[in-house]
Structures are given as C-alpha cells and as structure tokens.
Amino acid sequence: MNARRLAYASFAIYQDVEPPEFWTEYFGIVPSTAGVKGQPRLTRSGQTSAFPRRQGIWSVSSKDAVTNDELTPHLRYLVARLGLPRADLRTQLERQGAHARFFCYWVNETGDRVPDVPDDIREMADAMGVEIDIDEYR
C-alpha cells in the first residue's frame, strides 16, 4: 500500500535509566523502535546515522496497523495495545526521570482538518503524566 498517510500516532518513552527491554516486559509487546543512549541509529533510508542516540527510547506506532486519516482510531489502537491506563505508569516514569508522550502526525495541507483527540484519552494521558503532541504539517 503506497497511499499517503494523513494521520498516525505513536507512544514513546524517553529515558536513560532502564534498558528498552524493561518497557517491552512492562507492556508485554515488541516496540516499533527501541534504543539506548549512545547507540548508533538508523535513518529513514536505512543508513547508519553519523549521530548516535541522544537518549534512550521505547516506542510503539499505529502507522502500519491503522488505516484512517483521523487520530482517534490511531490513539484508541495504542491505548488498547498498551493496556492503558496503567495505575503505576506515572510512578514508573517519575522513578526513571522519563518522559512519555503520544506523538500525533497530522497532515493538514488544506488547512481545514482539525485533529481529533478524544477527551477521555486527554484525561487518561494527563492522569498518567503522558504528553500529547500533535505535529501538524501544511
């Protein structure tokens, strides 16, 4: 499928205390992206970057799993896949000095698309200490 995506989302945790395997075990799923600080990383073209990772990352994406141009199905997919909400996630993040976010990719070339993030997901993310970041492209 080569259709251009107008929306997708990912859930990422950035930290340097635990190895990515900690989060793989915690969530019980294999990440889309994972790495530790200082490790070489691949560019989108598959080449090794001259710049190593600046921090550790563990991330899961909806990009290849959900085909929809609205954010809600992508966010709901991630919430279900990660088993959110989790009562201890905020504590885990604080213990590790970690930062977590939902990263939302949003194409709005026409300027008339409004990103849809349901209130229940906003409230859940806030309660767990997870940021929602919408990156809009025009």
N, C-alpha and C. Protein backbone atom coordinates (compact mmCIF):
# COMPACT_ATOMS: atom_id res chain seq x y z
N MET A 1 0.85 -1.18 0.00
CA MET A 1 0.00 0.00 0.00
C MET A 1 0.89 1.24 0.00
N ASN A 2 0.71 2.12 -0.96
CA ASN A 2 1.52 3.32 -1.08
C ASN A 2 0.73 4.60 -0.84
N ALA A 3 -0.51 4.47 -0.36
CA ALA A 3 -1.31 5.67 -0.11
C ALA A 3 -0.65 6.51 0.97
N ARG A 4 -0.69 7.80 0.77
CA ARG A 4 -0.09 8.73 1.73
C ARG A 4 -0.93 8.80 3.00
N ARG A 5 -0.28 8.67 4.11
CA ARG A 5 -0.97 8.75 5.41
C ARG A 5 -1.18 10.21 5.78
N LEU A 6 -2.38 10.53 6.24
CA LEU A 6 -2.67 11.88 6.71
C LEU A 6 -2.63 11.96 8.23
N ALA A 7 -2.60 10.80 8.87
CA ALA A 7 -2.54 10.77 10.33
C ALA A 7 -2.02 9.42 10.81
N TYR A 8 -1.27 9.46 11.88
CA TYR A 8 -0.92 8.26 12.65
C TYR A 8 -0.41 8.74 13.99
N ALA A 9 -0.19 7.82 14.89
CA ALA A 9 0.27 8.19 16.22
C ALA A 9 1.26 7.16 16.74
N SER A 10 2.06 7.61 17.69
CA SER A 10 2.96 6.69 18.37
C SER A 10 2.95 7.04 19.85
N PHE A 11 3.33 6.07 20.65
CA PHE A 11 3.51 6.26 22.09
C PHE A 11 4.98 6.01 22.36
N ALA A 12 5.67 6.97 22.95
CA ALA A 12 7.10 6.83 23.18
C ALA A 12 7.46 7.18 24.62
N ILE A 13 8.47 6.47 25.11
CA ILE A 13 9.06 6.77 26.41
C ILE A 13 10.52 7.07 26.17
N TYR A 14 10.98 8.21 26.69
CA TYR A 14 12.36 8.64 26.55
C TYR A 14 13.00 8.63 27.93
N GLN A 15 14.09 7.88 28.11
CA GLN A 15 14.77 7.81 29.40
C GLN A 15 16.08 7.06 29.24
N ASP A 16 16.93 7.19 30.24
CA ASP A 16 18.25 6.55 30.19
C ASP A 16 18.52 5.63 31.37
N VAL A 17 17.52 5.36 32.21
CA VAL A 17 17.74 4.55 33.40
C VAL A 17 17.62 3.05 33.09
N GLU A 18 16.51 2.66 32.51
CA GLU A 18 16.26 1.25 32.21
C GLU A 18 16.56 0.96 30.75
N PRO A 19 16.96 -0.28 30.45
CA PRO A 19 17.12 -0.65 29.04
C PRO A 19 15.74 -0.77 28.40
N PRO A 20 15.66 -0.69 27.06
CA PRO A 20 14.36 -0.81 26.40
C PRO A 20 13.61 -2.09 26.75
N GLU A 21 14.34 -3.13 27.08
CA GLU A 21 13.70 -4.41 27.43
C GLU A 21 12.79 -4.29 28.66
N PHE A 22 13.11 -3.35 29.54
CA PHE A 22 12.25 -3.12 30.70
C PHE A 22 10.82 -2.78 30.24
N TRP A 23 10.73 -1.86 29.27
CA TRP A 23 9.42 -1.43 28.79
C TRP A 23 8.75 -2.51 27.95
N THR A 24 9.54 -3.29 27.22
CA THR A 24 8.98 -4.40 26.45
C THR A 24 8.31 -5.38 27.41
N GLU A 25 8.95 -5.68 28.52
CA GLU A 25 8.37 -6.58 29.51
C GLU A 25 7.18 -5.93 30.21
N TYR A 26 7.32 -4.67 30.56
CA TYR A 26 6.26 -3.93 31.26
C TYR A 26 4.96 -3.94 30.46
N PHE A 27 5.04 -3.64 29.16
CA PHE A 27 3.85 -3.58 28.32
C PHE A 27 3.51 -4.93 27.69
N GLY A 28 4.48 -5.82 27.62
CA GLY A 28 4.23 -7.14 27.04
C GLY A 28 4.12 -7.13 25.53
N ILE A 29 4.73 -6.15 24.88
CA ILE A 29 4.71 -6.07 23.42
C ILE A 29 6.07 -5.65 22.89
N VAL A 30 6.32 -6.00 21.65
CA VAL A 30 7.56 -5.62 20.99
C VAL A 30 7.40 -4.21 20.44
N PRO A 31 8.38 -3.33 20.69
CA PRO A 31 8.26 -1.95 20.22
C PRO A 31 8.52 -1.81 18.72
N SER A 32 8.05 -0.71 18.16
CA SER A 32 8.36 -0.36 16.78
C SER A 32 9.78 0.18 16.69
N THR A 33 10.20 0.89 17.75
CA THR A 33 11.53 1.49 17.83
C THR A 33 12.02 1.37 19.27
N ALA A 34 13.30 1.04 19.42
CA ALA A 34 13.90 0.99 20.75
C ALA A 34 15.39 1.20 20.62
N GLY A 35 15.98 1.84 21.62
CA GLY A 35 17.42 2.04 21.61
C GLY A 35 17.89 2.70 22.88
N VAL A 36 19.18 2.60 23.12
CA VAL A 36 19.78 3.20 24.30
C VAL A 36 20.66 4.38 23.92
N LYS A 37 20.86 5.26 24.86
CA LYS A 37 21.68 6.45 24.65
C LYS A 37 23.07 6.04 24.17
N GLY A 38 23.56 6.74 23.14
CA GLY A 38 24.89 6.48 22.60
C GLY A 38 24.94 5.41 21.53
N GLN A 39 23.85 4.67 21.37
CA GLN A 39 23.79 3.60 20.37
C GLN A 39 23.64 4.20 18.97
N PRO A 40 24.29 3.59 17.96
CA PRO A 40 24.05 4.05 16.59
C PRO A 40 22.57 3.89 16.24
N ARG A 41 22.08 4.74 15.38
CA ARG A 41 20.68 4.66 14.96
C ARG A 41 20.59 4.68 13.45
N LEU A 42 19.51 4.11 12.94
CA LEU A 42 19.29 4.09 11.50
C LEU A 42 18.45 5.28 11.08
N THR A 43 18.77 5.83 9.92
CA THR A 43 17.96 6.89 9.34
C THR A 43 16.77 6.26 8.62
N ARG A 44 15.85 7.07 8.14
CA ARG A 44 14.69 6.56 7.40
C ARG A 44 15.09 5.81 6.15
N SER A 45 16.25 6.15 5.59
CA SER A 45 16.71 5.48 4.38
C SER A 45 17.41 4.16 4.69
N GLY A 46 17.56 3.84 5.98
CA GLY A 46 18.19 2.59 6.36
C GLY A 46 19.69 2.69 6.58
N GLN A 47 20.24 3.88 6.42
CA GLN A 47 21.67 4.09 6.63
C GLN A 47 21.94 4.37 8.12
N THR A 48 23.14 4.06 8.57
CA THR A 48 23.52 4.37 9.94
C THR A 48 23.83 5.87 10.03
N SER A 49 23.20 6.52 10.98
CA SER A 49 23.42 7.96 11.18
C SER A 49 24.80 8.22 11.76
N ALA A 50 25.36 9.34 11.41
CA ALA A 50 26.64 9.75 11.99
C ALA A 50 26.47 10.20 13.43
N PHE A 51 25.24 10.42 13.85
CA PHE A 51 24.95 10.89 15.20
C PHE A 51 24.25 9.79 16.00
N PRO A 52 24.83 9.34 17.09
CA PRO A 52 24.19 8.29 17.90
C PRO A 52 22.98 8.85 18.65
N ARG A 53 22.22 7.94 19.23
CA ARG A 53 21.04 8.34 20.01
C ARG A 53 21.45 9.25 21.16
N ARG A 54 20.71 10.33 21.34
CA ARG A 54 20.99 11.27 22.43
C ARG A 54 20.35 10.82 23.74
N GLN A 55 19.36 9.94 23.64
CA GLN A 55 18.72 9.39 24.83
C GLN A 55 18.06 8.07 24.46
N GLY A 56 17.72 7.31 25.49
CA GLY A 56 17.05 6.04 25.25
C GLY A 56 15.61 6.26 24.81
N ILE A 57 15.10 5.33 24.00
CA ILE A 57 13.73 5.42 23.51
C ILE A 57 13.11 4.03 23.46
N TRP A 58 11.82 4.00 23.72
CA TRP A 58 10.99 2.81 23.52
C TRP A 58 9.69 3.34 22.94
N SER A 59 9.28 2.85 21.77
CA SER A 59 8.12 3.44 21.09
C SER A 59 7.32 2.39 20.32
N VAL A 60 6.01 2.61 20.29
CA VAL A 60 5.09 1.79 19.51
C VAL A 60 4.28 2.73 18.62
N SER A 61 4.10 2.34 17.35
CA SER A 61 3.41 3.19 16.38
C SER A 61 2.16 2.51 15.83
N SER A 62 1.21 3.34 15.44
CA SER A 62 0.00 2.85 14.78
C SER A 62 0.12 2.90 13.26
N LYS A 63 1.22 3.43 12.77
CA LYS A 63 1.36 3.74 11.34
C LYS A 63 1.05 2.56 10.42
N ASP A 64 1.55 1.39 10.72
CA ASP A 64 1.33 0.23 9.85
C ASP A 64 0.14 -0.62 10.26
N ALA A 65 -0.51 -0.26 11.37
CA ALA A 65 -1.61 -1.08 11.88
C ALA A 65 -3.00 -0.49 11.63
N VAL A 66 -3.08 0.82 11.48
CA VAL A 66 -4.37 1.50 11.35
C VAL A 66 -4.37 2.31 10.06
N THR A 67 -5.39 2.13 9.25
CA THR A 67 -5.51 2.93 8.02
C THR A 67 -6.72 3.83 8.16
N ASN A 68 -6.47 5.03 8.69
CA ASN A 68 -7.52 6.01 8.90
C ASN A 68 -6.85 7.38 8.93
N ASP A 69 -7.52 8.38 8.38
CA ASP A 69 -6.95 9.73 8.33
C ASP A 69 -7.32 10.60 9.53
N GLU A 70 -7.96 10.02 10.53
CA GLU A 70 -8.29 10.71 11.77
C GLU A 70 -7.42 10.14 12.88
N LEU A 71 -7.18 10.91 13.93
CA LEU A 71 -6.32 10.45 15.02
C LEU A 71 -6.99 9.48 15.98
N THR A 72 -8.28 9.63 16.22
CA THR A 72 -8.95 8.81 17.21
C THR A 72 -8.70 7.31 17.04
N PRO A 73 -8.86 6.73 15.85
CA PRO A 73 -8.60 5.29 15.72
C PRO A 73 -7.15 4.91 16.03
N HIS A 74 -6.22 5.78 15.69
CA HIS A 74 -4.80 5.52 15.97
C HIS A 74 -4.54 5.55 17.48
N LEU A 75 -5.09 6.55 18.16
CA LEU A 75 -4.91 6.65 19.61
C LEU A 75 -5.61 5.50 20.33
N ARG A 76 -6.80 5.14 19.91
CA ARG A 76 -7.52 4.02 20.54
C ARG A 76 -6.76 2.71 20.34
N TYR A 77 -6.16 2.54 19.17
CA TYR A 77 -5.34 1.35 18.92
C TYR A 77 -4.18 1.29 19.92
N LEU A 78 -3.48 2.41 20.10
CA LEU A 78 -2.35 2.43 21.02
C LEU A 78 -2.79 2.19 22.46
N VAL A 79 -3.88 2.80 22.86
CA VAL A 79 -4.40 2.61 24.22
C VAL A 79 -4.70 1.13 24.47
N ALA A 80 -5.37 0.49 23.51
CA ALA A 80 -5.70 -0.93 23.65
C ALA A 80 -4.43 -1.79 23.63
N ARG A 81 -3.56 -1.53 22.71
CA ARG A 81 -2.32 -2.34 22.55
C ARG A 81 -1.44 -2.24 23.79
N LEU A 82 -1.37 -1.07 24.41
CA LEU A 82 -0.53 -0.86 25.58
C LEU A 82 -1.23 -1.19 26.90
N GLY A 83 -2.53 -1.48 26.84
CA GLY A 83 -3.28 -1.79 28.05
C GLY A 83 -3.39 -0.59 28.97
N LEU A 84 -3.64 0.57 28.38
CA LEU A 84 -3.77 1.81 29.15
C LEU A 84 -5.21 2.04 29.56
N PRO A 85 -5.46 2.67 30.68
CA PRO A 85 -4.48 3.26 31.59
C PRO A 85 -3.84 2.20 32.48
N ARG A 86 -2.68 2.53 33.00
CA ARG A 86 -1.95 1.69 33.96
C ARG A 86 -1.71 2.53 35.21
N ALA A 87 -2.16 2.01 36.32
CA ALA A 87 -2.12 2.76 37.58
C ALA A 87 -0.70 3.14 37.99
N ASP A 88 0.28 2.33 37.64
CA ASP A 88 1.65 2.59 38.10
C ASP A 88 2.54 3.26 37.05
N LEU A 89 2.00 3.63 35.90
CA LEU A 89 2.84 4.20 34.84
C LEU A 89 3.46 5.53 35.28
N ARG A 90 2.68 6.42 35.87
CA ARG A 90 3.22 7.70 36.32
C ARG A 90 4.38 7.47 37.30
N THR A 91 4.21 6.55 38.23
CA THR A 91 5.26 6.24 39.21
C THR A 91 6.51 5.71 38.52
N GLN A 92 6.34 4.83 37.55
CA GLN A 92 7.48 4.30 36.81
C GLN A 92 8.23 5.42 36.08
N LEU A 93 7.47 6.29 35.43
CA LEU A 93 8.09 7.40 34.69
C LEU A 93 8.87 8.31 35.64
N GLU A 94 8.27 8.64 36.78
CA GLU A 94 8.93 9.52 37.75
C GLU A 94 10.18 8.86 38.32
N ARG A 95 10.10 7.56 38.62
CA ARG A 95 11.24 6.83 39.19
C ARG A 95 12.44 6.87 38.24
N GLN A 96 12.16 6.84 36.96
CA GLN A 96 13.23 6.79 35.96
C GLN A 96 13.57 8.16 35.38
N GLY A 97 12.89 9.19 35.81
CA GLY A 97 13.11 10.51 35.22
C GLY A 97 12.77 10.49 33.74
N ALA A 98 11.76 9.72 33.39
CA ALA A 98 11.38 9.51 31.99
C ALA A 98 10.32 10.50 31.54
N HIS A 99 10.23 10.65 30.25
CA HIS A 99 9.23 11.50 29.61
C HIS A 99 8.46 10.61 28.63
N ALA A 100 7.13 10.61 28.72
CA ALA A 100 6.32 9.81 27.81
C ALA A 100 5.38 10.72 27.04
N ARG A 101 5.11 10.34 25.80
CA ARG A 101 4.18 11.14 25.01
C ARG A 101 3.51 10.30 23.93
N PHE A 102 2.33 10.76 23.57
CA PHE A 102 1.68 10.33 22.33
C PHE A 102 2.12 11.36 21.29
N PHE A 103 2.78 10.91 20.26
CA PHE A 103 3.19 11.78 19.17
C PHE A 103 2.20 11.57 18.03
N CYS A 104 1.51 12.61 17.63
CA CYS A 104 0.48 12.52 16.60
C CYS A 104 0.94 13.24 15.33
N TYR A 105 1.06 12.50 14.27
CA TYR A 105 1.41 13.04 12.95
C TYR A 105 0.11 13.44 12.28
N TRP A 106 0.04 14.68 11.79
CA TRP A 106 -1.22 15.22 11.26
C TRP A 106 -0.94 16.07 10.03
N VAL A 107 -1.38 15.61 8.86
CA VAL A 107 -1.22 16.38 7.63
C VAL A 107 -2.47 17.23 7.43
N ASN A 108 -2.26 18.53 7.19
CA ASN A 108 -3.36 19.46 7.04
C ASN A 108 -3.03 20.46 5.93
N GLU A 109 -2.73 19.95 4.77
CA GLU A 109 -2.33 20.82 3.65
C GLU A 109 -3.42 21.81 3.26
N THR A 110 -4.68 21.41 3.40
CA THR A 110 -5.79 22.28 3.02
C THR A 110 -6.12 23.30 4.11
N GLY A 111 -5.63 23.06 5.33
CA GLY A 111 -5.88 23.98 6.43
C GLY A 111 -7.26 23.85 7.05
N ASP A 112 -8.04 22.85 6.64
CA ASP A 112 -9.40 22.72 7.17
C ASP A 112 -9.60 21.45 8.00
N ARG A 113 -8.54 20.70 8.25
CA ARG A 113 -8.66 19.49 9.07
C ARG A 113 -8.34 19.85 10.53
N VAL A 114 -9.18 19.37 11.43
CA VAL A 114 -8.98 19.63 12.85
C VAL A 114 -8.63 18.30 13.52
N PRO A 115 -7.48 18.22 14.20
CA PRO A 115 -7.11 16.96 14.84
C PRO A 115 -8.08 16.58 15.94
N ASP A 116 -8.43 15.31 15.97
CA ASP A 116 -9.42 14.80 16.92
C ASP A 116 -8.74 13.96 17.99
N VAL A 117 -8.66 14.50 19.20
CA VAL A 117 -8.15 13.74 20.34
C VAL A 117 -9.29 13.69 21.35
N PRO A 118 -9.85 12.50 21.56
CA PRO A 118 -11.00 12.39 22.47
C PRO A 118 -10.67 12.84 23.89
N ASP A 119 -11.66 13.43 24.55
CA ASP A 119 -11.49 13.93 25.91
C ASP A 119 -11.04 12.83 26.87
N ASP A 120 -11.58 11.60 26.71
CA ASP A 120 -11.21 10.54 27.64
C ASP A 120 -9.72 10.18 27.51
N ILE A 121 -9.18 10.27 26.31
CA ILE A 121 -7.76 9.98 26.12
C ILE A 121 -6.91 11.12 26.67
N ARG A 122 -7.37 12.36 26.48
CA ARG A 122 -6.66 13.51 27.06
C ARG A 122 -6.60 13.39 28.59
N GLU A 123 -7.72 13.05 29.21
CA GLU A 123 -7.79 12.93 30.66
C GLU A 123 -6.92 11.78 31.16
N MET A 124 -6.96 10.65 30.47
CA MET A 124 -6.16 9.50 30.84
C MET A 124 -4.67 9.83 30.74
N ALA A 125 -4.27 10.46 29.64
CA ALA A 125 -2.86 10.81 29.44
C ALA A 125 -2.41 11.77 30.55
N ASP A 126 -3.22 12.75 30.87
CA ASP A 126 -2.88 13.70 31.92
C ASP A 126 -2.71 13.00 33.26
N ALA A 127 -3.61 12.08 33.58
CA ALA A 127 -3.54 11.36 34.85
C ALA A 127 -2.28 10.50 34.95
N MET A 128 -1.80 10.00 33.83
CA MET A 128 -0.60 9.15 33.83
C MET A 128 0.69 9.95 33.64
N GLY A 129 0.58 11.24 33.38
CA GLY A 129 1.77 12.05 33.15
C GLY A 129 2.33 11.90 31.75
N VAL A 130 1.45 11.67 30.79
CA VAL A 130 1.84 11.46 29.38
C VAL A 130 1.40 12.67 28.56
N GLU A 131 2.32 13.25 27.83
CA GLU A 131 2.04 14.40 26.97
C GLU A 131 1.37 13.95 25.68
N ILE A 132 0.55 14.81 25.10
CA ILE A 132 0.00 14.58 23.76
C ILE A 132 0.55 15.69 22.88
N ASP A 133 1.31 15.29 21.87
CA ASP A 133 2.00 16.23 20.99
C ASP A 133 1.49 16.04 19.56
N ILE A 134 0.87 17.07 19.00
CA ILE A 134 0.37 16.99 17.62
C ILE A 134 1.32 17.77 16.72
N ASP A 135 1.92 17.08 15.78
CA ASP A 135 2.86 17.67 14.85
C ASP A 135 2.12 17.85 13.52
N GLU A 136 1.71 19.08 13.23
CA GLU A 136 0.88 19.37 12.07
C GLU A 136 1.74 19.82 10.88
N TYR A 137 1.46 19.22 9.73
CA TYR A 137 2.18 19.55 8.50
C TYR A 137 1.24 20.20 7.52
N ARG A 138 1.66 21.32 6.95
CA ARG A 138 0.85 22.03 5.96
C ARG A 138 1.55 22.09 4.64
